[in-house]
Amino acid sequence: MWKKISESYWLDIYIKAQEQHPKTTSSCIALKLSGKSSMARYNMWSFKVAVLVLGLLAMAEQSQQLSVRRPLHGAIRKINDEGPYLGLVLVSDTNKQALQASNVFVPSNYAPTVALAGRRFHVGKIKGTNVVHVKTGNASVNAAATVELLIDTFPIEGIVHFGSAGAVNDALFIGDVIVPCQVAFTGSRQWKKFESKKGQLRFGDYSYPEEGDNLLGKQKQTIFWLPINSRWFETATQLQNIEMQQCLDTDRCLPRAPEIVYGVRTSTADMYIQNAAYREYIYAKFKASTVDEESAAVALVALSNEVPSIIFRGVSNTAGGSTGYKSYSYLGSVNTLNTAVGFIGAVGSSGASRANH
């Protein structure tokens, strides 16, 4: 094998290696080429081996320099070695305040926080379960980008999403927590053909030189209501002894104890609803009980990545309705956090939920 490669090739490699490791190369080659003329063949073989070793050393040094230039890569690799994790996805500063005040999150000793793409991922444990929690910020585009980054960066086996919501169902009150079985983008609109009373935009109508079927925009399946993982939903319905706070302090309490409501629908749209007529339309048309700006985006990204997810939303206001207990909205964040923490304790991080998605 050695004879097929010219000696000039090895000399070229030697020169390049000497430029990168002058001291090591010179001493190594000098050692290999010393001796009597009868050892010429052995010395040439040793020379080639030495050059190969030095080449590998140069490659290793380049890899090490890359790791030094991008220290975050090494940190994330070490964090991921401790996984898998549940992703705890919250929305607002109020949700984060409730989480911090609870003291249920125990930060990692190695790397408690990772700043990535304008977001801060917090690594640690809740009730002994590995968790990475992150705040999305308002609106579906922020939620979708954050959850995709979370799943792509860390070994996430499931998404637990909690946040606040506006009630459109009169049976709900501030402080209640809803655990939906379905969620949809009710603010998404489809264009219709001009002056058409039914149907959606058909790309085939605009084919050139003549109308005809067109594959643009064609989908195998259209889903309006996004389903929540059935196994996780069943686990959530079995939660017990969840603390539901009714009072902000000894003098300020809600008129009734908050409740956990299961199996309802929630709707997502990039709008904050304060219109009573639109509130009534959402409930009558879609039978949705709450409105928010992120849940459907979280569920869609989880479904697309085949990662189970569940949603907990705490009622913080009556969308387009009474503002009499608006100052009690913080209780929605506290109660939904308590429910999410109870769920994390029940599910743990065994990986069974992902396998049964």
Protein backbone atom coordinates (compact mmCIF):
# COMPACT_ATOMS: atom_id res chain seq x y z
CA MET A 1 0.00 0.00 0.00
CA TRP A 2 2.87 2.34 0.79
CA LYS A 3 4.46 1.91 -2.66
CA LYS A 4 1.39 3.25 -4.44
CA ILE A 5 1.97 6.71 -2.98
CA SER A 6 4.99 8.69 -4.10
CA GLU A 7 7.59 9.87 -1.62
CA SER A 8 6.92 13.46 -2.70
CA TYR A 9 3.38 13.05 -1.34
CA TRP A 10 4.73 12.18 2.09
CA LEU A 11 7.20 15.06 1.93
CA ASP A 12 4.35 17.47 1.20
CA ILE A 13 2.48 16.19 4.25
CA TYR A 14 5.64 16.48 6.32
CA ILE A 15 6.13 20.11 5.27
CA LYS A 16 2.53 20.98 6.21
CA ALA A 17 2.86 19.18 9.54
CA GLN A 18 6.13 20.97 10.23
CA GLU A 19 4.44 24.32 9.66
CA GLN A 20 1.84 23.49 12.31
CA HIS A 21 4.10 21.57 14.74
CA PRO A 22 7.70 22.63 14.00
CA LYS A 23 9.29 21.38 17.21
CA THR A 24 7.38 18.11 17.43
CA THR A 25 7.84 17.33 13.73
CA SER A 26 11.58 17.99 13.65
CA SER A 27 12.38 15.92 16.73
CA CYS A 28 10.09 13.09 15.64
CA ILE A 29 11.46 12.87 12.09
CA ALA A 30 15.04 13.20 13.28
CA LEU A 31 14.48 10.26 15.59
CA LYS A 32 12.92 8.13 12.87
CA LEU A 33 15.61 8.88 10.26
CA SER A 34 18.63 8.30 12.51
CA GLY A 35 20.64 5.09 12.19
CA LYS A 36 22.68 3.18 9.63
CA SER A 37 22.04 2.99 5.89
CA SER A 38 20.93 -0.64 6.25
CA MET A 39 17.86 0.68 8.09
CA ALA A 40 16.76 2.87 5.14
CA ARG A 41 13.57 0.95 4.41
CA TYR A 42 12.58 0.84 8.07
CA ASN A 43 13.29 4.56 8.41
CA MET A 44 11.14 5.39 5.40
CA TRP A 45 8.26 3.34 6.82
CA SER A 46 8.72 5.01 10.20
CA PHE A 47 8.77 8.40 8.49
CA LYS A 48 5.40 7.72 6.87
CA VAL A 49 3.84 6.53 10.13
CA ALA A 50 5.16 9.61 11.92
CA VAL A 51 3.66 11.89 9.29
CA LEU A 52 0.30 10.14 9.60
CA VAL A 53 0.32 10.51 13.38
CA LEU A 54 1.21 14.19 13.11
CA GLY A 55 -1.60 14.68 10.60
CA LEU A 56 -4.08 13.15 13.00
CA LEU A 57 -2.75 15.37 15.77
CA ALA A 58 -3.30 18.43 13.58
CA MET A 59 -6.88 17.36 12.88
CA ALA A 60 -7.52 16.81 16.58
CA GLU A 61 -6.14 20.25 17.37
CA GLN A 62 -8.48 21.83 14.79
CA SER A 63 -11.44 20.02 16.35
CA GLN A 64 -10.40 21.19 19.81
CA GLN A 65 -10.09 24.78 18.57
CA LEU A 66 -13.61 24.54 17.10
CA SER A 67 -14.92 23.39 20.49
CA VAL A 68 -13.16 26.29 22.20
CA ARG A 69 -14.59 28.78 19.70
CA ARG A 70 -18.09 27.35 20.27
CA PRO A 71 -18.15 26.50 23.99
CA LEU A 72 -21.97 26.32 24.00
CA HIS A 73 -21.82 23.16 21.91
CA GLY A 74 -19.85 21.36 24.58
CA ALA A 75 -22.15 22.59 27.34
CA ILE A 76 -25.26 21.41 25.50
CA ARG A 77 -23.68 18.00 24.83
CA LYS A 78 -23.01 17.57 28.53
CA ILE A 79 -26.54 18.71 29.44
CA ASN A 80 -28.00 16.26 26.94
CA ASP A 81 -25.93 13.42 28.41
CA GLU A 82 -27.97 13.90 31.59
CA GLY A 83 -31.28 13.67 29.70
CA PRO A 84 -33.91 12.98 28.55
CA TYR A 85 -36.05 15.92 29.71
CA LEU A 86 -39.59 17.14 29.84
CA GLY A 87 -40.03 20.54 28.24
CA LEU A 88 -41.98 22.94 30.44
CA VAL A 89 -43.20 25.73 28.17
CA LEU A 90 -44.69 28.86 29.73
CA VAL A 91 -45.85 32.08 28.13
CA SER A 92 -45.60 35.24 30.19
CA ASP A 93 -43.70 36.98 32.96
CA THR A 94 -46.67 36.30 35.23
CA ASN A 95 -46.32 32.56 34.60
CA LYS A 96 -42.58 32.80 35.28
CA GLN A 97 -43.22 34.72 38.50
CA ALA A 98 -45.53 31.96 39.71
CA LEU A 99 -42.89 29.33 38.90
CA GLN A 100 -40.12 31.20 40.71
CA ALA A 101 -42.28 31.87 43.77
CA SER A 102 -43.17 28.18 44.08
CA ASN A 103 -39.53 27.03 44.51
CA VAL A 104 -40.40 23.70 42.87
CA PHE A 105 -37.70 24.07 40.22
CA VAL A 106 -34.21 22.98 41.30
CA PRO A 107 -31.56 24.35 38.88
CA SER A 108 -28.79 22.15 37.51
CA ASN A 109 -25.41 22.48 39.23
CA TYR A 110 -23.55 22.25 35.92
CA ALA A 111 -25.41 24.59 33.55
CA PRO A 112 -28.63 25.99 35.02
CA THR A 113 -29.24 28.36 32.11
CA VAL A 114 -28.49 28.25 28.38
CA ALA A 115 -28.99 31.41 26.29
CA LEU A 116 -29.79 30.46 22.72
CA ALA A 117 -31.34 32.43 19.83
CA GLY A 118 -32.67 35.14 22.11
CA ARG A 119 -34.25 32.68 24.54
CA ARG A 120 -33.16 31.41 27.94
CA PHE A 121 -33.52 27.69 28.61
CA HIS A 122 -33.41 26.72 32.28
CA VAL A 123 -32.15 23.22 33.08
CA GLY A 124 -32.96 21.42 36.31
CA LYS A 125 -35.49 19.19 38.06
CA ILE A 126 -39.09 19.35 39.25
CA LYS A 127 -40.14 16.62 41.68
CA GLY A 128 -37.06 14.62 40.71
CA THR A 129 -37.84 14.78 36.97
CA ASN A 130 -35.41 16.32 34.49
CA VAL A 131 -36.94 19.50 33.09
CA VAL A 132 -35.95 22.27 30.68
CA HIS A 133 -38.27 25.26 31.05
CA VAL A 134 -38.50 28.23 28.71
CA LYS A 135 -40.74 31.25 28.21
CA THR A 136 -42.15 31.71 24.71
CA GLY A 137 -43.53 35.23 24.87
CA ASN A 138 -46.88 36.16 23.33
CA ALA A 139 -48.21 35.08 19.90
CA SER A 140 -48.17 31.84 17.97
CA VAL A 141 -45.02 32.57 15.94
CA ASN A 142 -42.96 33.01 19.13
CA ALA A 143 -44.44 29.88 20.66
CA ALA A 144 -43.78 27.76 17.57
CA ALA A 145 -40.19 28.97 17.17
CA THR A 146 -39.41 28.42 20.86
CA VAL A 147 -40.83 24.90 21.03
CA GLU A 148 -39.09 23.86 17.80
CA LEU A 149 -35.77 25.16 19.15
CA LEU A 150 -36.36 23.36 22.44
CA ILE A 151 -37.03 20.02 20.73
CA ASP A 152 -34.14 20.42 18.25
CA THR A 153 -31.58 21.32 20.93
CA PHE A 154 -32.40 19.04 23.85
CA PRO A 155 -33.57 15.39 24.15
CA ILE A 156 -37.18 16.30 24.93
CA GLU A 157 -39.59 13.40 25.48
CA GLY A 158 -42.70 15.52 25.99
CA ILE A 159 -44.02 19.09 26.19
CA VAL A 160 -45.95 20.36 29.21
CA HIS A 161 -47.44 23.74 28.33
CA PHE A 162 -49.01 26.13 30.79
CA GLY A 163 -50.20 29.70 30.56
CA SER A 164 -53.13 32.04 31.03
CA ALA A 165 -56.35 32.22 29.02
CA GLY A 166 -59.50 34.24 28.57
CA ALA A 167 -62.80 32.49 29.25
CA VAL A 168 -65.55 32.50 26.61
CA ASN A 169 -67.57 29.84 28.42
CA ASP A 170 -69.75 31.42 31.12
CA ALA A 171 -69.32 28.34 33.31
CA LEU A 172 -65.65 29.23 33.82
CA PHE A 173 -64.35 31.77 36.30
CA ILE A 174 -61.02 33.44 37.09
CA GLY A 175 -58.67 31.00 38.80
CA ASP A 176 -60.10 27.89 37.10
CA VAL A 177 -57.73 25.62 35.15
CA ILE A 178 -58.74 23.97 31.88
CA VAL A 179 -57.14 20.83 30.45
CA PRO A 180 -58.32 20.70 26.82
CA CYS A 181 -58.58 17.59 24.69
CA GLN A 182 -58.51 19.63 21.46
CA VAL A 183 -57.13 22.95 20.29
CA ALA A 184 -57.42 24.87 17.01
CA PHE A 185 -56.28 28.03 15.20
CA THR A 186 -59.61 29.80 15.07
CA GLY A 187 -57.98 33.03 13.90
CA SER A 188 -56.66 31.40 10.71
CA ARG A 189 -58.57 32.42 7.58
CA GLN A 190 -58.79 30.93 4.08
CA TRP A 191 -59.30 32.96 0.92
CA LYS A 192 -62.37 32.20 -1.19
CA LYS A 193 -62.80 32.66 -4.91
CA PHE A 194 -64.17 36.12 -5.68
CA GLU A 195 -67.96 36.26 -5.21
CA SER A 196 -68.02 32.61 -4.20
CA LYS A 197 -70.32 31.63 -1.36
CA LYS A 198 -68.55 28.42 -0.43
CA GLY A 199 -65.30 26.57 -0.87
CA GLN A 200 -61.69 27.64 -0.53
CA LEU A 201 -59.03 29.01 -2.84
CA ARG A 202 -58.43 26.51 -5.68
CA PHE A 203 -55.00 26.90 -7.26
CA GLY A 204 -56.20 24.91 -10.27
CA ASP A 205 -58.53 27.78 -11.24
CA TYR A 206 -55.47 29.87 -12.02
CA SER A 207 -53.43 27.30 -13.94
CA TYR A 208 -52.03 28.55 -17.27
CA PRO A 209 -52.73 28.19 -20.19
CA GLU A 210 -55.96 26.57 -19.02
CA GLU A 211 -57.63 25.70 -15.76
CA GLY A 212 -57.04 22.27 -14.29
CA ASP A 213 -56.01 20.31 -11.21
CA ASN A 214 -52.89 21.57 -9.53
CA LEU A 215 -50.77 20.03 -6.80
CA LEU A 216 -49.86 23.39 -5.26
CA GLY A 217 -51.26 23.63 -1.77
CA LYS A 218 -52.68 20.10 -1.92
CA GLN A 219 -52.50 18.21 1.35
CA LYS A 220 -53.00 14.56 2.25
CA GLN A 221 -55.08 15.46 5.28
CA THR A 222 -56.53 18.61 6.76
CA ILE A 223 -56.97 18.77 10.53
CA PHE A 224 -58.79 21.62 12.19
CA TRP A 225 -58.88 20.41 15.79
CA LEU A 226 -55.44 19.33 16.95
CA PRO A 227 -55.66 16.39 19.37
CA ILE A 228 -53.89 16.23 22.73
CA ASN A 229 -51.98 13.04 23.53
CA SER A 230 -54.64 10.68 24.88
CA ARG A 231 -52.33 8.89 27.31
CA TRP A 232 -51.16 12.13 28.87
CA PHE A 233 -54.70 13.48 28.99
CA GLU A 234 -55.84 10.37 30.85
CA THR A 235 -52.99 10.80 33.33
CA ALA A 236 -54.01 14.41 33.91
CA THR A 237 -57.58 13.38 34.74
CA GLN A 238 -56.23 11.22 37.57
CA LEU A 239 -54.42 14.03 39.36
CA GLN A 240 -55.35 14.41 43.01
CA ASN A 241 -54.68 16.84 45.84
CA ILE A 242 -53.79 19.74 43.56
CA GLU A 243 -53.75 22.98 45.56
CA MET A 244 -56.11 25.51 44.00
CA GLN A 245 -55.70 28.96 45.53
CA GLN A 246 -58.85 31.00 46.03
CA CYS A 247 -57.36 34.02 47.81
CA LEU A 248 -54.65 36.56 47.09
CA ASP A 249 -54.45 37.29 50.82
CA THR A 250 -56.67 37.01 53.89
CA ASP A 251 -58.91 39.85 52.76
CA ARG A 252 -59.17 39.22 49.01
CA CYS A 253 -60.79 35.96 47.86
CA LEU A 254 -62.73 34.76 44.85
CA PRO A 255 -66.46 34.07 45.35
CA ARG A 256 -65.95 30.32 44.78
CA ALA A 257 -63.09 27.83 44.90
CA PRO A 258 -61.32 27.38 41.55
CA GLU A 259 -61.75 24.09 39.70
CA ILE A 260 -59.91 21.94 37.16
CA VAL A 261 -62.08 21.41 34.07
CA TYR A 262 -61.21 18.55 31.70
CA GLY A 263 -62.07 17.72 28.12
CA VAL A 264 -62.98 21.16 26.79
CA ARG A 265 -61.76 22.88 23.64
CA THR A 266 -59.50 25.90 23.49
CA SER A 267 -58.92 28.26 20.58
CA THR A 268 -55.80 30.12 19.48
CA ALA A 269 -55.54 33.35 17.50
CA ASP A 270 -53.02 36.18 17.39
CA MET A 271 -55.43 38.63 18.99
CA TYR A 272 -56.43 39.66 22.49
CA ILE A 273 -60.22 39.42 22.56
CA GLN A 274 -62.15 42.16 24.30
CA ASN A 275 -65.19 42.11 22.05
CA ALA A 276 -68.27 40.54 23.64
CA ALA A 277 -69.88 39.68 20.28
CA TYR A 278 -66.75 37.87 19.03
CA ARG A 279 -66.51 36.08 22.38
CA GLU A 280 -70.03 34.75 21.91
CA TYR A 281 -69.24 33.78 18.31
CA ILE A 282 -66.19 31.71 19.36
CA TYR A 283 -68.22 29.80 21.92
CA ALA A 284 -71.28 29.27 19.71
CA LYS A 285 -69.40 28.42 16.49
CA PHE A 286 -66.50 26.32 17.79
CA LYS A 287 -67.72 25.28 21.25
CA ALA A 288 -64.39 26.50 22.60
CA SER A 289 -64.24 27.40 26.30
CA THR A 290 -61.11 29.59 26.33
CA VAL A 291 -59.02 31.72 24.00
CA ASP A 292 -55.26 32.32 23.94
CA GLU A 293 -52.45 33.12 21.51
CA GLU A 294 -50.08 30.14 21.80
CA SER A 295 -51.65 26.73 22.62
CA ALA A 296 -52.34 25.58 19.06
CA ALA A 297 -48.81 26.53 17.97
CA VAL A 298 -47.31 24.48 20.82
CA ALA A 299 -49.54 21.49 20.03
CA LEU A 300 -48.82 21.67 16.28
CA VAL A 301 -45.03 21.72 16.70
CA ALA A 302 -45.21 18.83 19.16
CA LEU A 303 -47.39 16.79 16.79
CA SER A 304 -45.08 17.55 13.85
CA ASN A 305 -42.12 16.23 15.83
CA GLU A 306 -44.06 13.23 17.18
CA VAL A 307 -43.57 14.42 20.74
CA PRO A 308 -46.48 14.09 23.19
CA SER A 309 -47.85 17.29 24.66
CA ILE A 310 -50.45 18.50 27.11
CA ILE A 311 -51.90 21.94 27.76
CA PHE A 312 -52.89 23.59 31.03
CA ARG A 313 -54.47 27.03 30.87
CA GLY A 314 -55.49 29.13 33.86
CA VAL A 315 -58.40 31.54 33.43
CA SER A 316 -57.10 35.07 34.05
CA ASN A 317 -59.99 37.07 32.59
CA THR A 318 -63.37 36.84 30.92
CA ALA A 319 -62.69 37.65 27.27
CA GLY A 320 -64.92 40.57 26.34
CA GLY A 321 -66.89 40.12 29.55
CA SER A 322 -66.91 41.36 33.12
CA THR A 323 -63.76 42.89 34.59
CA GLY A 324 -64.95 42.72 38.19
CA TYR A 325 -62.24 40.28 39.35
CA LYS A 326 -59.49 41.30 36.94
CA SER A 327 -57.06 41.99 39.80
CA TYR A 328 -57.25 38.27 40.72
CA SER A 329 -55.79 37.14 37.39
CA TYR A 330 -52.52 36.03 39.03
CA LEU A 331 -54.41 33.13 40.63
CA GLY A 332 -54.87 31.69 37.14
CA SER A 333 -51.09 31.39 36.76
CA VAL A 334 -50.60 29.97 40.26
CA ASN A 335 -53.29 27.30 39.89
CA THR A 336 -52.27 26.21 36.41
CA LEU A 337 -48.63 25.94 37.57
CA ASN A 338 -49.69 23.75 40.48
CA THR A 339 -51.62 21.52 38.08
CA ALA A 340 -48.68 21.28 35.64
CA VAL A 341 -46.27 20.44 38.49
CA GLY A 342 -48.64 17.73 39.71
CA PHE A 343 -48.72 16.30 36.21
CA ILE A 344 -44.91 16.32 35.91
CA GLY A 345 -44.71 14.42 39.18
CA ALA A 346 -47.18 11.84 37.86
CA VAL A 347 -45.57 11.35 34.46
CA GLY A 348 -41.91 11.63 35.40
CA SER A 349 -39.37 11.05 32.63
CA SER A 350 -39.64 7.31 32.01
CA GLY A 351 -40.07 7.67 28.25
CA ALA A 352 -43.22 5.53 28.27
CA SER A 353 -45.39 8.40 27.04
CA ARG A 354 -43.26 8.98 23.93
CA ALA A 355 -43.39 5.30 23.08
CA ASN A 356 -47.16 5.31 23.19
CA HIS A 357 -47.68 8.58 21.31
